[in-house]
PDB file of N, CA and C in Angstrom:
ATOM      1  N   MET A   1      -0.446  -4.690  50.779  1.00  0.00           N
ATOM      2  CA  MET A   1      -0.926  -3.901  49.650  1.00  0.00           C
ATOM      3  C   MET A   1      -0.018  -4.097  48.413  1.00  0.00           C
ATOM      4  N   HIS A   2       1.260  -4.189  48.684  1.00  0.00           N
ATOM      5  CA  HIS A   2       2.192  -4.379  47.608  1.00  0.00           C
ATOM      6  C   HIS A   2       1.919  -5.701  46.879  1.00  0.00           C
ATOM      7  N   GLU A   3       1.525  -6.733  47.619  1.00  0.00           N
ATOM      8  CA  GLU A   3       1.203  -8.023  47.007  1.00  0.00           C
ATOM      9  C   GLU A   3       0.006  -7.881  46.059  1.00  0.00           C
ATOM     10  N   PHE A   4      -0.931  -7.060  46.434  1.00  0.00           N
ATOM     11  CA  PHE A   4      -2.126  -6.886  45.586  1.00  0.00           C
ATOM     12  C   PHE A   4      -1.733  -6.279  44.264  1.00  0.00           C
ATOM     13  N   PHE A   5      -0.937  -5.207  44.326  1.00  0.00           N
ATOM     14  CA  PHE A   5      -0.526  -4.553  43.090  1.00  0.00           C
ATOM     15  C   PHE A   5       0.460  -5.381  42.260  1.00  0.00           C
ATOM     16  N   ALA A   6       1.203  -6.275  42.927  1.00  0.00           N
ATOM     17  CA  ALA A   6       2.125  -7.139  42.221  1.00  0.00           C
ATOM     18  C   ALA A   6       1.366  -8.304  41.512  1.00  0.00           C
ATOM     19  N   MET A   7       0.174  -8.592  41.935  1.00  0.00           N
ATOM     20  CA  MET A   7      -0.682  -9.595  41.351  1.00  0.00           C
ATOM     21  C   MET A   7       0.042 -10.946  41.190  1.00  0.00           C
ATOM     22  N   GLY A   8       0.747 -11.292  42.207  1.00  0.00           N
ATOM     23  CA  GLY A   8       1.418 -12.603  42.199  1.00  0.00           C
ATOM     24  C   GLY A   8       2.450 -12.720  41.078  1.00  0.00           C
ATOM     25  N   GLY A   9       3.062 -11.614  40.672  1.00  0.00           N
ATOM     26  CA  GLY A   9       4.081 -11.660  39.638  1.00  0.00           C
ATOM     27  C   GLY A   9       3.472 -11.422  38.212  1.00  0.00           C
ATOM     28  N   TYR A  10       2.186 -11.297  38.140  1.00  0.00           N
ATOM     29  CA  TYR A  10       1.549 -11.087  36.824  1.00  0.00           C
ATOM     30  C   TYR A  10       1.095  -9.645  36.584  1.00  0.00           C
ATOM     31  N   ALA A  11       1.595  -8.710  37.361  1.00  0.00           N
ATOM     32  CA  ALA A  11       1.186  -7.320  37.261  1.00  0.00           C
ATOM     33  C   ALA A  11       1.428  -6.751  35.881  1.00  0.00           C
ATOM     34  N   ALA A  12       2.497  -7.178  35.238  1.00  0.00           N
ATOM     35  CA  ALA A  12       2.858  -6.642  33.898  1.00  0.00           C
ATOM     36  C   ALA A  12       1.794  -7.010  32.878  1.00  0.00           C
ATOM     37  N   TYR A  13       1.019  -8.049  33.141  1.00  0.00           N
ATOM     38  CA  TYR A  13      -0.039  -8.449  32.216  1.00  0.00           C
ATOM     39  C   TYR A  13      -1.389  -7.990  32.628  1.00  0.00           C
ATOM     40  N   VAL A  14      -1.636  -7.952  33.955  1.00  0.00           N
ATOM     41  CA  VAL A  14      -2.948  -7.676  34.531  1.00  0.00           C
ATOM     42  C   VAL A  14      -3.265  -6.177  34.384  1.00  0.00           C
ATOM     43  N   TRP A  15      -2.389  -5.314  34.826  1.00  0.00           N
ATOM     44  CA  TRP A  15      -2.699  -3.882  34.856  1.00  0.00           C
ATOM     45  C   TRP A  15      -2.851  -3.286  33.447  1.00  0.00           C
ATOM     46  N   PRO A  16      -2.057  -3.683  32.480  1.00  0.00           N
ATOM     47  CA  PRO A  16      -2.336  -3.191  31.106  1.00  0.00           C
ATOM     48  C   PRO A  16      -3.660  -3.692  30.574  1.00  0.00           C
ATOM     49  N   ALA A  17      -4.043  -4.911  30.927  1.00  0.00           N
ATOM     50  CA  ALA A  17      -5.341  -5.433  30.494  1.00  0.00           C
ATOM     51  C   ALA A  17      -6.476  -4.599  31.106  1.00  0.00           C
ATOM     52  N   TYR A  18      -6.374  -4.288  32.374  1.00  0.00           N
ATOM     53  CA  TYR A  18      -7.363  -3.412  33.008  1.00  0.00           C
ATOM     54  C   TYR A  18      -7.427  -2.053  32.327  1.00  0.00           C
ATOM     55  N   THR A  19      -6.229  -1.504  32.000  1.00  0.00           N
ATOM     56  CA  THR A  19      -6.182  -0.191  31.372  1.00  0.00           C
ATOM     57  C   THR A  19      -6.856  -0.219  30.023  1.00  0.00           C
ATOM     58  N   VAL A  20      -6.534  -1.199  29.199  1.00  0.00           N
ATOM     59  CA  VAL A  20      -7.191  -1.303  27.914  1.00  0.00           C
ATOM     60  C   VAL A  20      -8.690  -1.489  28.043  1.00  0.00           C
ATOM     61  N   PHE A  21      -9.116  -2.299  28.989  1.00  0.00           N
ATOM     62  CA  PHE A  21     -10.536  -2.526  29.198  1.00  0.00           C
ATOM     63  C   PHE A  21     -11.235  -1.216  29.576  1.00  0.00           C
ATOM     64  N   PHE A  22     -10.674  -0.407  30.442  1.00  0.00           N
ATOM     65  CA  PHE A  22     -11.346   0.825  30.859  1.00  0.00           C
ATOM     66  C   PHE A  22     -11.295   1.872  29.769  1.00  0.00           C
ATOM     67  N   ILE A  23     -10.272   1.874  28.921  1.00  0.00           N
ATOM     68  CA  ILE A  23     -10.246   2.785  27.801  1.00  0.00           C
ATOM     69  C   ILE A  23     -11.306   2.435  26.782  1.00  0.00           C
ATOM     70  N   VAL A  24     -11.480   1.162  26.496  1.00  0.00           N
ATOM     71  CA  VAL A  24     -12.506   0.713  25.551  1.00  0.00           C
ATOM     72  C   VAL A  24     -13.914   1.023  26.133  1.00  0.00           C
ATOM     73  N   LEU A  25     -14.068   0.730  27.422  1.00  0.00           N
ATOM     74  CA  LEU A  25     -15.350   1.008  28.100  1.00  0.00           C
ATOM     75  C   LEU A  25     -15.684   2.484  28.016  1.00  0.00           C
ATOM     76  N   ALA A  26     -14.712   3.366  28.259  1.00  0.00           N
ATOM     77  CA  ALA A  26     -14.951   4.798  28.202  1.00  0.00           C
ATOM     78  C   ALA A  26     -15.303   5.208  26.771  1.00  0.00           C
ATOM     79  N   TRP A  27     -14.596   4.658  25.788  1.00  0.00           N
ATOM     80  CA  TRP A  27     -14.862   4.982  24.412  1.00  0.00           C
ATOM     81  C   TRP A  27     -16.234   4.559  23.965  1.00  0.00           C
ATOM     82  N   ASP A  28     -16.662   3.378  24.408  1.00  0.00           N
ATOM     83  CA  ASP A  28     -18.016   2.920  24.109  1.00  0.00           C
ATOM     84  C   ASP A  28     -19.075   3.824  24.731  1.00  0.00           C
ATOM     85  N   TRP A  29     -18.745   4.464  25.798  1.00  0.00           N
ATOM     86  CA  TRP A  29     -19.685   5.357  26.452  1.00  0.00           C
ATOM     87  C   TRP A  29     -19.723   6.761  25.773  1.00  0.00           C
ATOM     88  N   ILE A  30     -18.560   7.180  25.282  1.00  0.00           N
ATOM     89  CA  ILE A  30     -18.418   8.551  24.715  1.00  0.00           C
ATOM     90  C   ILE A  30     -18.733   8.589  23.210  1.00  0.00           C
ATOM     91  N   ALA A  31     -18.339   7.555  22.453  1.00  0.00           N
ATOM     92  CA  ALA A  31     -18.432   7.547  21.019  1.00  0.00           C
ATOM     93  C   ALA A  31     -19.838   7.861  20.468  1.00  0.00           C
ATOM     94  N   PRO A  32     -20.924   7.334  21.050  1.00  0.00           N
ATOM     95  CA  PRO A  32     -22.237   7.664  20.522  1.00  0.00           C
ATOM     96  C   PRO A  32     -22.542   9.171  20.552  1.00  0.00           C
ATOM     97  N   ALA A  33     -22.072   9.891  21.521  1.00  0.00           N
ATOM     98  CA  ALA A  33     -22.297  11.336  21.588  1.00  0.00           C
ATOM     99  C   ALA A  33     -21.562  12.047  20.437  1.00  0.00           C
ATOM    100  N   PHE A  34     -20.349  11.626  20.166  1.00  0.00           N
ATOM    101  CA  PHE A  34     -19.603  12.198  19.037  1.00  0.00           C
ATOM    102  C   PHE A  34     -20.296  11.845  17.724  1.00  0.00           C
ATOM    103  N   ARG A  35     -20.743  10.649  17.561  1.00  0.00           N
ATOM    104  CA  ARG A  35     -21.420  10.248  16.317  1.00  0.00           C
ATOM    105  C   ARG A  35     -22.719  10.987  16.150  1.00  0.00           C
ATOM    106  N   ARG A  36     -23.442  11.192  17.253  1.00  0.00           N
ATOM    107  CA  ARG A  36     -24.741  11.919  17.191  1.00  0.00           C
ATOM    108  C   ARG A  36     -24.518  13.363  16.762  1.00  0.00           C
ATOM    109  N   ARG A  37     -23.479  13.992  17.314  1.00  0.00           N
ATOM    110  CA  ARG A  37     -23.177  15.376  16.933  1.00  0.00           C
ATOM    111  C   ARG A  37     -22.806  15.457  15.467  1.00  0.00           C
ATOM    112  N   GLN A  38     -22.024  14.505  14.986  1.00  0.00           N
ATOM    113  CA  GLN A  38     -21.596  14.480  13.592  1.00  0.00           C
ATOM    114  C   GLN A  38     -22.801  14.282  12.650  1.00  0.00           C
ATOM    115  N   LEU A  39     -23.708  13.374  13.035  1.00  0.00           N
ATOM    116  CA  LEU A  39     -24.899  13.162  12.185  1.00  0.00           C
ATOM    117  C   LEU A  39     -25.831  14.354  12.173  1.00  0.00           C
ATOM    118  N   LEU A  40     -25.990  15.005  13.330  1.00  0.00           N
ATOM    119  CA  LEU A  40     -26.835  16.203  13.373  1.00  0.00           C
ATOM    120  C   LEU A  40     -26.268  17.321  12.513  1.00  0.00           C
ATOM    121  N   ASN A  41     -24.989  17.519  12.584  1.00  0.00           N
ATOM    122  CA  ASN A  41     -24.371  18.566  11.733  1.00  0.00           C
ATOM    123  C   ASN A  41     -24.498  18.224  10.275  1.00  0.00           C
ATOM    124  N   GLU A  42     -24.362  16.963   9.924  1.00  0.00           N
ATOM    125  CA  GLU A  42     -24.538  16.559   8.546  1.00  0.00           C
ATOM    126  C   GLU A  42     -25.963  16.753   8.046  1.00  0.00           C
ATOM    127  N   LEU A  43     -26.912  16.429   8.864  1.00  0.00           N
ATOM    128  CA  LEU A  43     -28.316  16.612   8.529  1.00  0.00           C
ATOM    129  C   LEU A  43     -28.692  18.099   8.397  1.00  0.00           C
ATOM    130  N   ARG A  44     -28.136  18.946   9.289  1.00  0.00           N
ATOM    131  CA  ARG A  44     -28.371  20.384   9.171  1.00  0.00           C
ATOM    132  C   ARG A  44     -27.852  20.906   7.856  1.00  0.00           C
ATOM    133  N   GLY A  45     -26.654  20.455   7.461  1.00  0.00           N
ATOM    134  CA  GLY A  45     -26.095  20.882   6.188  1.00  0.00           C
ATOM    135  C   GLY A  45     -26.931  20.442   4.983  1.00  0.00           C
ATOM    136  N   ARG A  46     -27.419  19.216   5.048  1.00  0.00           N
ATOM    137  CA  ARG A  46     -28.259  18.715   3.980  1.00  0.00           C
ATOM    138  C   ARG A  46     -29.550  19.521   3.867  1.00  0.00           C
ATOM    139  N   LEU A  47     -30.151  19.774   5.017  1.00  0.00           N
ATOM    140  CA  LEU A  47     -31.406  20.569   5.011  1.00  0.00           C
ATOM    141  C   LEU A  47     -31.165  21.977   4.440  1.00  0.00           C
ATOM    142  N   ALA A  48     -30.056  22.588   4.860  1.00  0.00           N
ATOM    143  CA  ALA A  48     -29.784  23.937   4.366  1.00  0.00           C
ATOM    144  C   ALA A  48     -29.543  23.943   2.849  1.00  0.00           C
ATOM    145  N   ARG A  49     -28.820  22.920   2.328  1.00  0.00           N
ATOM    146  CA  ARG A  49     -28.607  22.815   0.896  1.00  0.00           C
ATOM    147  C   ARG A  49     -29.930  22.574   0.173  1.00  0.00           C
ATOM    148  N   GLU A  50     -30.753  21.724   0.744  1.00  0.00           N
ATOM    149  CA  GLU A  50     -32.059  21.462   0.105  1.00  0.00           C
ATOM    150  C   GLU A  50     -32.943  22.697   0.069  1.00  0.00           C
ATOM    151  N   GLN A  51     -32.926  23.473   1.135  1.00  0.00           N
ATOM    152  CA  GLN A  51     -33.711  24.713   1.137  1.00  0.00           C
ATOM    153  C   GLN A  51     -33.196  25.706   0.113  1.00  0.00           C
ATOM    154  N   LEU A  52     -31.875  25.827  -0.032  1.00  0.00           N
ATOM    155  CA  LEU A  52     -31.317  26.691  -1.022  1.00  0.00           C
ATOM    156  C   LEU A  52     -31.687  26.231  -2.421  1.00  0.00           C
ATOM    157  N   ARG A  53     -31.600  24.955  -2.684  1.00  0.00           N
ATOM    158  CA  ARG A  53     -31.939  24.403  -3.972  1.00  0.00           C
ATOM    159  C   ARG A  53     -33.409  24.662  -4.302  1.00  0.00           C
ATOM    160  N   ARG A  54     -34.304  24.478  -3.339  1.00  0.00           N
ATOM    161  CA  ARG A  54     -35.725  24.752  -3.587  1.00  0.00           C
ATOM    162  C   ARG A  54     -35.986  26.216  -3.790  1.00  0.00           C
ATOM    163  N   ALA A  55     -35.245  27.069  -3.073  1.00  0.00           N
ATOM    164  CA  ALA A  55     -35.458  28.521  -3.226  1.00  0.00           C
ATOM    165  C   ALA A  55     -35.008  28.973  -4.619  1.00  0.00           C
ATOM    166  N   ARG A  56     -33.956  28.374  -5.175  1.00  0.00           N
ATOM    167  CA  ARG A  56     -33.498  28.735  -6.486  1.00  0.00           C
ATOM    168  C   ARG A  56     -34.387  28.255  -7.589  1.00  0.00           C
ATOM    169  N   THR A  57     -34.972  27.072  -7.459  1.00  0.00           N
ATOM    170  CA  THR A  57     -35.760  26.488  -8.509  1.00  0.00           C
ATOM    171  C   THR A  57     -37.229  26.837  -8.406  1.00  0.00           C
ATOM    172  N   ALA A  58     -37.681  27.372  -7.288  1.00  0.00           N
ATOM    173  CA  ALA A  58     -39.095  27.736  -7.152  1.00  0.00           C
ATOM    174  C   ALA A  58     -39.398  28.972  -8.042  1.00  0.00           C
ATOM    175  N   PRO A  59     -40.450  28.886  -8.786  1.00  0.00           N
ATOM    176  CA  PRO A  59     -40.799  30.049  -9.634  1.00  0.00           C
ATOM    177  C   PRO A  59     -41.251  31.220  -8.777  1.00  0.00           C
ATOM    178  N   THR A  60     -40.846  32.400  -9.180  1.00  0.00           N
ATOM    179  CA  THR A  60     -41.199  33.572  -8.450  1.00  0.00           C
ATOM    180  C   THR A  60     -42.573  34.072  -8.895  1.00  0.00           C
ATOM    181  N   GLN A  61     -43.183  34.938  -8.147  1.00  0.00           N
ATOM    182  CA  GLN A  61     -44.485  35.502  -8.484  1.00  0.00           C
ATOM    183  C   GLN A  61     -44.467  36.255  -9.790  1.00  0.00           C
ATOM    184  N   ASP A  62     -43.386  36.997 -10.055  1.00  0.00           N
ATOM    185  CA  ASP A  62     -43.284  37.799 -11.309  1.00  0.00           C
ATOM    186  C   ASP A  62     -43.169  36.893 -12.525  1.00  0.00           C
ATOM    187  N   SER A  63     -42.410  35.822 -12.456  1.00  0.00           N
ATOM    188  CA  SER A  63     -42.226  35.003 -13.630  1.00  0.00           C
ATOM    189  C   SER A  63     -43.535  34.237 -13.996  1.00  0.00           C
ATOM    190  N   ARG A  64     -44.329  33.920 -12.991  1.00  0.00           N
ATOM    191  CA  ARG A  64     -45.588  33.250 -13.276  1.00  0.00           C
ATOM    192  C   ARG A  64     -46.587  34.219 -13.922  1.00  0.00           C
ATOM    193  N   GLU A  65     -46.579  35.463 -13.485  1.00  0.00           N
ATOM    194  CA  GLU A  65     -47.476  36.488 -14.054  1.00  0.00           C
ATOM    195  C   GLU A  65     -47.082  36.803 -15.485  1.00  0.00           C
ATOM    196  N   GLY A  66     -45.802  36.865 -15.769  1.00  0.00           N
ATOM    197  CA  GLY A  66     -45.352  37.176 -17.114  1.00  0.00           C
ATOM    198  C   GLY A  66     -45.640  36.024 -18.092  1.00  0.00           C
ATOM    199  N   ALA A  67     -45.655  34.824 -17.657  1.00  0.00           N
ATOM    200  CA  ALA A  67     -45.910  33.699 -18.528  1.00  0.00           C
ATOM    201  C   ALA A  67     -47.374  33.584 -18.914  1.00  0.00           C
ATOM    202  N   SER A  68     -48.290  34.039 -18.049  1.00  0.00           N
ATOM    203  CA  SER A  68     -49.686  33.901 -18.367  1.00  0.00           C
ATOM    204  C   SER A  68     -50.229  35.077 -19.173  1.00  0.00           C
ATOM    205  N   ALA A  69     -49.525  36.180 -19.229  1.00  0.00           N
ATOM    206  CA  ALA A  69     -50.009  37.370 -19.947  1.00  0.00           C
ATOM    207  C   ALA A  69     -49.647  37.377 -21.403  1.00  0.00           C
TER     208      ALA A  69
END
């Protein structure tokens, strides 16, 4: 078993390479979820700002009645 982990004297190169590989693999699996959450929060904020902007600029019932009289 020790020979397997020693990798024929190349363990100092092999095991860090495996570690980096698995870290990158895990990040590739997790990153889309983080990006999706970030995009959804950004879109919710944009929609909320757009609704506020439309509510402020929409003419009210009273102002339309006063303009026609």
